[in-house]
Amino acid sequence: MRLTYLALALCLVSVASAAGESADLRREKLRNLPVTVYPDFYVGESPFVKQLNDLTRPGDAVVVSHLDALKGSFRVADVGLKQADVWVHVANDTLISERQRNLAGAKAVVFVPGRYHDGVRREAQMMREDTQHLGIPLVVGLEYPDTRVLAHVGEIARYGDVITVYARSELSSGRVAFREYVERVVRAAKEANPNIKVEVAVAAARTREATLAVYGALLDSADLADRVAIYCNDTPEAATSLAELMHALRDPAAPTA
């Protein structure tokens, strides 16, 4: 599949001006960053896993929900990923302690609560202890409305190895707003935990024009990121956008998929 429109449009992205690095340097950094894919469905029972095997490389990750991963019969190897790691999104600490067998082979646990509440900090602390016992990193994050309170960001970042930063609504306000939002969250996270790594997350888009804007947002924030993430569903539009984003991230000048 030729990506002529996207390849041509990406040339225009070189005018992006974030944070003191040239566009070429930021593109080069993006080219080398690992990518995490957050599907809103179980890839192990979907033809989507073939696409992921074609797109991903060692160091990349695919997130599996605890709704699938903590079933009695689940095994990480059954997901079918050939290169990417499996991360498991877990809703609370109890699930880790009760279902450690299901997590065997997982390379990280993700804790992004659906909403902030008084017990989130304690849950994050307990998950930190459990993941350290398992010898795997803890990826933490908050839903967009909760990140408006930067103290909440610091509370959860304190216990994470990686913080994932995602704000679809900020991206809809433009790339400048997205960059400013990411900077605020990263600053709050690093004040609480200077060693935390940063994952800058976006969503697969419905059109190529929107996909270009998503790539531009990642380019603008590349200097802040240790890895990038893409949320997606199982629609044809999302699959196409994911492929275009992955090819652009790996080699922005590539004219073919």
Protein backbone atom coordinates (compact mmCIF):
# COMPACT_ATOMS: atom_id res chain seq x y z
CA MET A 1 0.00 0.00 0.00
CA ARG A 2 1.47 3.36 -0.98
CA LEU A 3 1.29 6.17 1.52
CA THR A 4 1.86 8.94 -1.00
CA TYR A 5 -0.44 11.45 0.68
CA LEU A 6 1.01 10.84 4.12
CA ALA A 7 4.62 10.74 2.89
CA LEU A 8 4.17 14.07 1.10
CA ALA A 9 2.39 15.63 4.03
CA LEU A 10 5.05 14.50 6.46
CA CYS A 11 7.51 16.73 4.65
CA LEU A 12 5.45 19.66 5.91
CA VAL A 13 5.79 18.49 9.49
CA SER A 14 9.47 19.48 9.43
CA VAL A 15 8.42 23.01 10.35
CA ALA A 16 7.35 21.86 13.84
CA SER A 17 9.26 23.81 16.46
CA ALA A 18 9.01 22.14 19.86
CA ALA A 19 11.53 22.39 22.66
CA GLY A 20 14.79 23.31 21.01
CA GLU A 21 15.45 20.21 18.95
CA SER A 22 15.36 20.34 15.17
CA ALA A 23 12.63 18.40 13.40
CA ASP A 24 15.27 16.07 11.97
CA LEU A 25 16.58 15.24 15.44
CA ARG A 26 13.08 14.65 16.75
CA ARG A 27 12.23 12.40 13.81
CA GLU A 28 15.40 10.43 14.44
CA LYS A 29 14.49 10.05 18.09
CA LEU A 30 10.97 8.87 17.22
CA ARG A 31 12.47 6.36 14.82
CA ASN A 32 14.26 4.68 17.70
CA LEU A 33 11.59 4.82 20.40
CA PRO A 34 9.64 1.70 21.33
CA VAL A 35 5.89 1.79 20.67
CA THR A 36 3.09 0.50 22.88
CA VAL A 37 -0.24 -0.43 21.31
CA TYR A 38 -3.35 -0.22 23.50
CA PRO A 39 -6.18 -2.13 21.74
CA ASP A 40 -9.68 -1.87 23.20
CA PHE A 41 -10.26 -5.53 22.32
CA TYR A 42 -8.45 -8.81 22.89
CA VAL A 43 -5.90 -9.28 20.11
CA GLY A 44 -5.42 -12.98 20.84
CA GLU A 45 -8.79 -13.76 19.26
CA SER A 46 -8.47 -11.34 16.37
CA PRO A 47 -6.73 -11.27 12.96
CA PHE A 48 -5.32 -7.97 14.23
CA VAL A 49 -2.48 -9.92 15.83
CA LYS A 50 -1.02 -10.59 12.36
CA GLN A 51 -0.91 -6.87 11.66
CA LEU A 52 0.81 -6.29 14.98
CA ASN A 53 3.40 -8.95 14.19
CA ASP A 54 4.09 -7.22 10.89
CA LEU A 55 4.37 -3.76 12.47
CA THR A 56 6.11 -4.31 15.80
CA ARG A 57 9.70 -4.99 16.70
CA PRO A 58 11.54 -6.10 19.87
CA GLY A 59 10.99 -3.61 22.68
CA ASP A 60 7.49 -2.70 21.51
CA ALA A 61 4.52 -3.78 23.63
CA VAL A 62 0.84 -4.66 23.29
CA VAL A 63 -1.46 -4.18 26.27
CA VAL A 64 -3.97 -6.85 27.25
CA SER A 65 -6.83 -5.98 29.60
CA HIS A 66 -7.16 -7.77 32.92
CA LEU A 67 -10.66 -8.76 31.72
CA ASP A 68 -8.88 -11.16 29.36
CA ALA A 69 -5.50 -11.69 31.02
CA LEU A 70 -6.79 -12.75 34.41
CA LYS A 71 -9.12 -15.45 33.16
CA GLY A 72 -8.23 -18.92 34.36
CA SER A 73 -7.03 -20.20 31.00
CA PHE A 74 -5.02 -17.16 29.90
CA ARG A 75 -1.33 -17.52 29.04
CA VAL A 76 0.87 -14.75 27.67
CA ALA A 77 2.24 -17.05 24.96
CA ASP A 78 -1.28 -17.65 23.65
CA VAL A 79 -1.62 -14.01 22.56
CA GLY A 80 0.51 -14.91 19.55
CA LEU A 81 2.87 -11.94 19.47
CA LYS A 82 6.19 -12.79 17.87
CA GLN A 83 8.27 -9.71 18.71
CA ALA A 84 6.33 -7.29 20.90
CA ASP A 85 6.08 -7.78 24.64
CA VAL A 86 2.77 -8.32 26.42
CA TRP A 87 1.80 -5.79 29.08
CA VAL A 88 -1.26 -6.38 31.27
CA HIS A 89 -3.59 -3.62 32.38
CA VAL A 90 -4.71 -4.40 35.93
CA ALA A 91 -7.54 -2.59 37.70
CA ASN A 92 -6.44 -3.17 41.29
CA ASP A 93 -3.79 -4.78 43.44
CA THR A 94 -5.93 -7.74 44.45
CA LEU A 95 -5.94 -9.02 40.88
CA ILE A 96 -2.14 -9.17 40.85
CA SER A 97 -1.82 -11.04 44.13
CA GLU A 98 -4.53 -13.56 43.22
CA ARG A 99 -3.58 -14.25 39.59
CA GLN A 100 0.22 -14.13 39.45
CA ARG A 101 0.26 -17.30 37.36
CA ASN A 102 -1.60 -15.48 34.59
CA LEU A 103 1.03 -12.74 34.56
CA ALA A 104 3.90 -15.14 33.91
CA GLY A 105 5.69 -13.86 30.82
CA ALA A 106 4.18 -10.38 30.96
CA LYS A 107 6.82 -7.66 30.75
CA ALA A 108 4.94 -4.91 32.61
CA VAL A 109 1.78 -4.16 34.55
CA VAL A 110 -0.27 -1.08 33.60
CA PHE A 111 -2.33 0.76 36.23
CA VAL A 112 -4.56 3.51 34.78
CA PRO A 113 -7.62 3.78 37.03
CA GLY A 114 -10.88 4.80 35.43
CA ARG A 115 -11.11 7.75 37.80
CA TYR A 116 -9.08 9.21 40.62
CA HIS A 117 -10.27 8.35 44.11
CA ASP A 118 -8.90 8.48 47.63
CA GLY A 119 -7.46 4.97 47.43
CA VAL A 120 -5.51 5.39 44.19
CA ARG A 121 -2.22 6.28 45.83
CA ARG A 122 -2.40 3.26 48.15
CA GLU A 123 -3.29 0.97 45.25
CA ALA A 124 -0.34 2.27 43.26
CA GLN A 125 1.97 1.69 46.22
CA MET A 126 0.74 -1.89 46.62
CA MET A 127 1.07 -2.54 42.90
CA ARG A 128 4.61 -1.20 43.05
CA GLU A 129 5.44 -3.73 45.74
CA ASP A 130 3.84 -6.57 43.78
CA THR A 131 5.51 -5.73 40.48
CA GLN A 132 8.88 -5.42 42.20
CA HIS A 133 8.28 -8.90 43.60
CA LEU A 134 7.49 -10.12 40.07
CA GLY A 135 10.52 -8.30 38.69
CA ILE A 136 8.59 -6.28 36.09
CA PRO A 137 7.97 -2.53 35.68
CA LEU A 138 4.81 -0.70 36.72
CA VAL A 139 3.31 1.68 34.16
CA VAL A 140 1.01 4.26 35.72
CA GLY A 141 -1.30 6.94 34.38
CA LEU A 142 -4.52 8.84 34.94
CA GLU A 143 -7.49 9.55 32.73
CA TYR A 144 -7.45 13.04 31.24
CA PRO A 145 -9.82 14.87 33.64
CA ASP A 146 -7.83 13.66 36.65
CA THR A 147 -4.52 14.94 35.29
CA ARG A 148 -5.83 18.50 35.60
CA VAL A 149 -4.95 18.16 39.30
CA LEU A 150 -1.19 17.89 39.01
CA ALA A 151 -0.88 16.77 42.62
CA HIS A 152 -2.73 13.60 41.60
CA VAL A 153 -0.17 13.05 38.85
CA GLY A 154 2.63 13.28 41.38
CA GLU A 155 0.90 10.89 43.75
CA ILE A 156 0.62 8.14 41.19
CA ALA A 157 3.96 8.85 39.47
CA ARG A 158 5.75 8.34 42.77
CA TYR A 159 5.30 4.57 42.44
CA GLY A 160 5.68 4.05 38.70
CA ASP A 161 8.59 3.12 36.47
CA VAL A 162 6.79 4.65 33.46
CA ILE A 163 3.99 7.22 33.26
CA THR A 164 1.71 7.13 30.22
CA VAL A 165 0.34 10.53 29.19
CA TYR A 166 -2.77 10.56 27.02
CA ALA A 167 -5.18 13.40 26.17
CA ARG A 168 -7.27 13.05 23.04
CA SER A 169 -9.22 16.21 23.86
CA GLU A 170 -6.04 18.26 24.08
CA LEU A 171 -4.91 17.03 20.67
CA SER A 172 -8.26 18.10 19.23
CA SER A 173 -7.39 21.62 20.44
CA GLY A 174 -4.20 21.57 18.37
CA ARG A 175 -0.61 20.44 18.59
CA VAL A 176 0.49 23.41 20.70
CA ALA A 177 -2.13 22.60 23.34
CA PHE A 178 -1.10 18.94 23.27
CA ARG A 179 2.57 19.81 23.76
CA GLU A 180 1.77 22.16 26.65
CA TYR A 181 -0.38 19.51 28.30
CA VAL A 182 2.31 16.83 28.03
CA GLU A 183 4.89 19.23 29.46
CA ARG A 184 2.72 19.98 32.50
CA VAL A 185 2.06 16.33 33.27
CA VAL A 186 5.68 15.30 32.75
CA ARG A 187 6.91 18.13 34.97
CA ALA A 188 4.58 17.08 37.79
CA ALA A 189 5.55 13.41 37.40
CA LYS A 190 9.28 14.08 37.46
CA GLU A 191 9.02 16.38 40.45
CA ALA A 192 7.61 13.41 42.36
CA ASN A 193 9.81 10.77 40.72
CA PRO A 194 12.86 12.08 38.80
CA ASN A 195 13.65 8.61 37.45
CA ILE A 196 10.25 7.91 35.89
CA LYS A 197 10.16 7.28 32.14
CA VAL A 198 7.56 8.94 29.92
CA GLU A 199 5.23 7.34 27.38
CA VAL A 200 3.44 9.89 25.18
CA ALA A 201 0.15 8.40 23.98
CA VAL A 202 -2.16 9.23 21.08
CA ALA A 203 -5.08 7.50 19.36
CA ALA A 204 -5.33 6.04 15.88
CA ALA A 205 -7.39 8.39 13.71
CA ARG A 206 -10.24 8.03 11.24
CA THR A 207 -8.68 9.91 8.30
CA ARG A 208 -5.23 10.47 6.87
CA GLU A 209 -5.46 14.16 7.65
CA ALA A 210 -6.13 13.33 11.30
CA THR A 211 -3.36 10.72 11.26
CA LEU A 212 -0.95 13.41 10.10
CA ALA A 213 -1.99 15.62 13.01
CA VAL A 214 -1.41 12.72 15.43
CA TYR A 215 2.05 12.11 14.02
CA GLY A 216 2.79 15.84 14.26
CA ALA A 217 1.81 15.84 17.93
CA LEU A 218 4.23 13.00 18.60
CA LEU A 219 6.94 14.79 16.66
CA ASP A 220 6.40 17.97 18.69
CA SER A 221 6.71 16.03 21.96
CA ALA A 222 9.50 13.66 20.97
CA ASP A 223 12.03 15.32 23.26
CA LEU A 224 9.79 14.52 26.25
CA ALA A 225 9.24 10.85 25.41
CA ASP A 226 11.02 7.62 26.26
CA ARG A 227 8.42 5.67 24.29
CA VAL A 228 5.19 6.39 22.43
CA ALA A 229 1.80 4.70 22.57
CA ILE A 230 -1.15 4.34 20.21
CA TYR A 231 -4.70 3.57 21.33
CA CYS A 232 -6.84 1.83 18.74
CA ASN A 233 -10.02 -0.14 18.17
CA ASP A 234 -10.70 -2.91 15.66
CA THR A 235 -12.26 -0.77 12.92
CA PRO A 236 -10.69 -0.71 9.44
CA GLU A 237 -10.00 3.02 9.84
CA ALA A 238 -8.07 2.46 13.05
CA ALA A 239 -6.10 -0.41 11.53
CA THR A 240 -5.12 1.78 8.57
CA SER A 241 -4.19 4.71 10.79
CA LEU A 242 -2.14 2.47 13.07
CA ALA A 243 -0.19 1.11 10.09
CA GLU A 244 0.45 4.60 8.72
CA LEU A 245 1.56 5.89 12.11
CA MET A 246 3.88 2.96 12.70
CA HIS A 247 5.50 3.32 9.28
CA ALA A 248 5.90 7.06 9.78
CA LEU A 249 7.42 6.53 13.23
CA ARG A 250 9.85 3.92 11.96
CA ASP A 251 10.88 5.79 8.81
CA PRO A 252 9.06 9.09 8.11
CA ALA A 253 10.48 9.27 4.58
CA ALA A 254 9.35 5.79 3.52
CA PRO A 255 7.01 6.05 0.51
CA THR A 256 5.69 2.51 0.77
CA ALA A 257 4.16 0.34 3.46
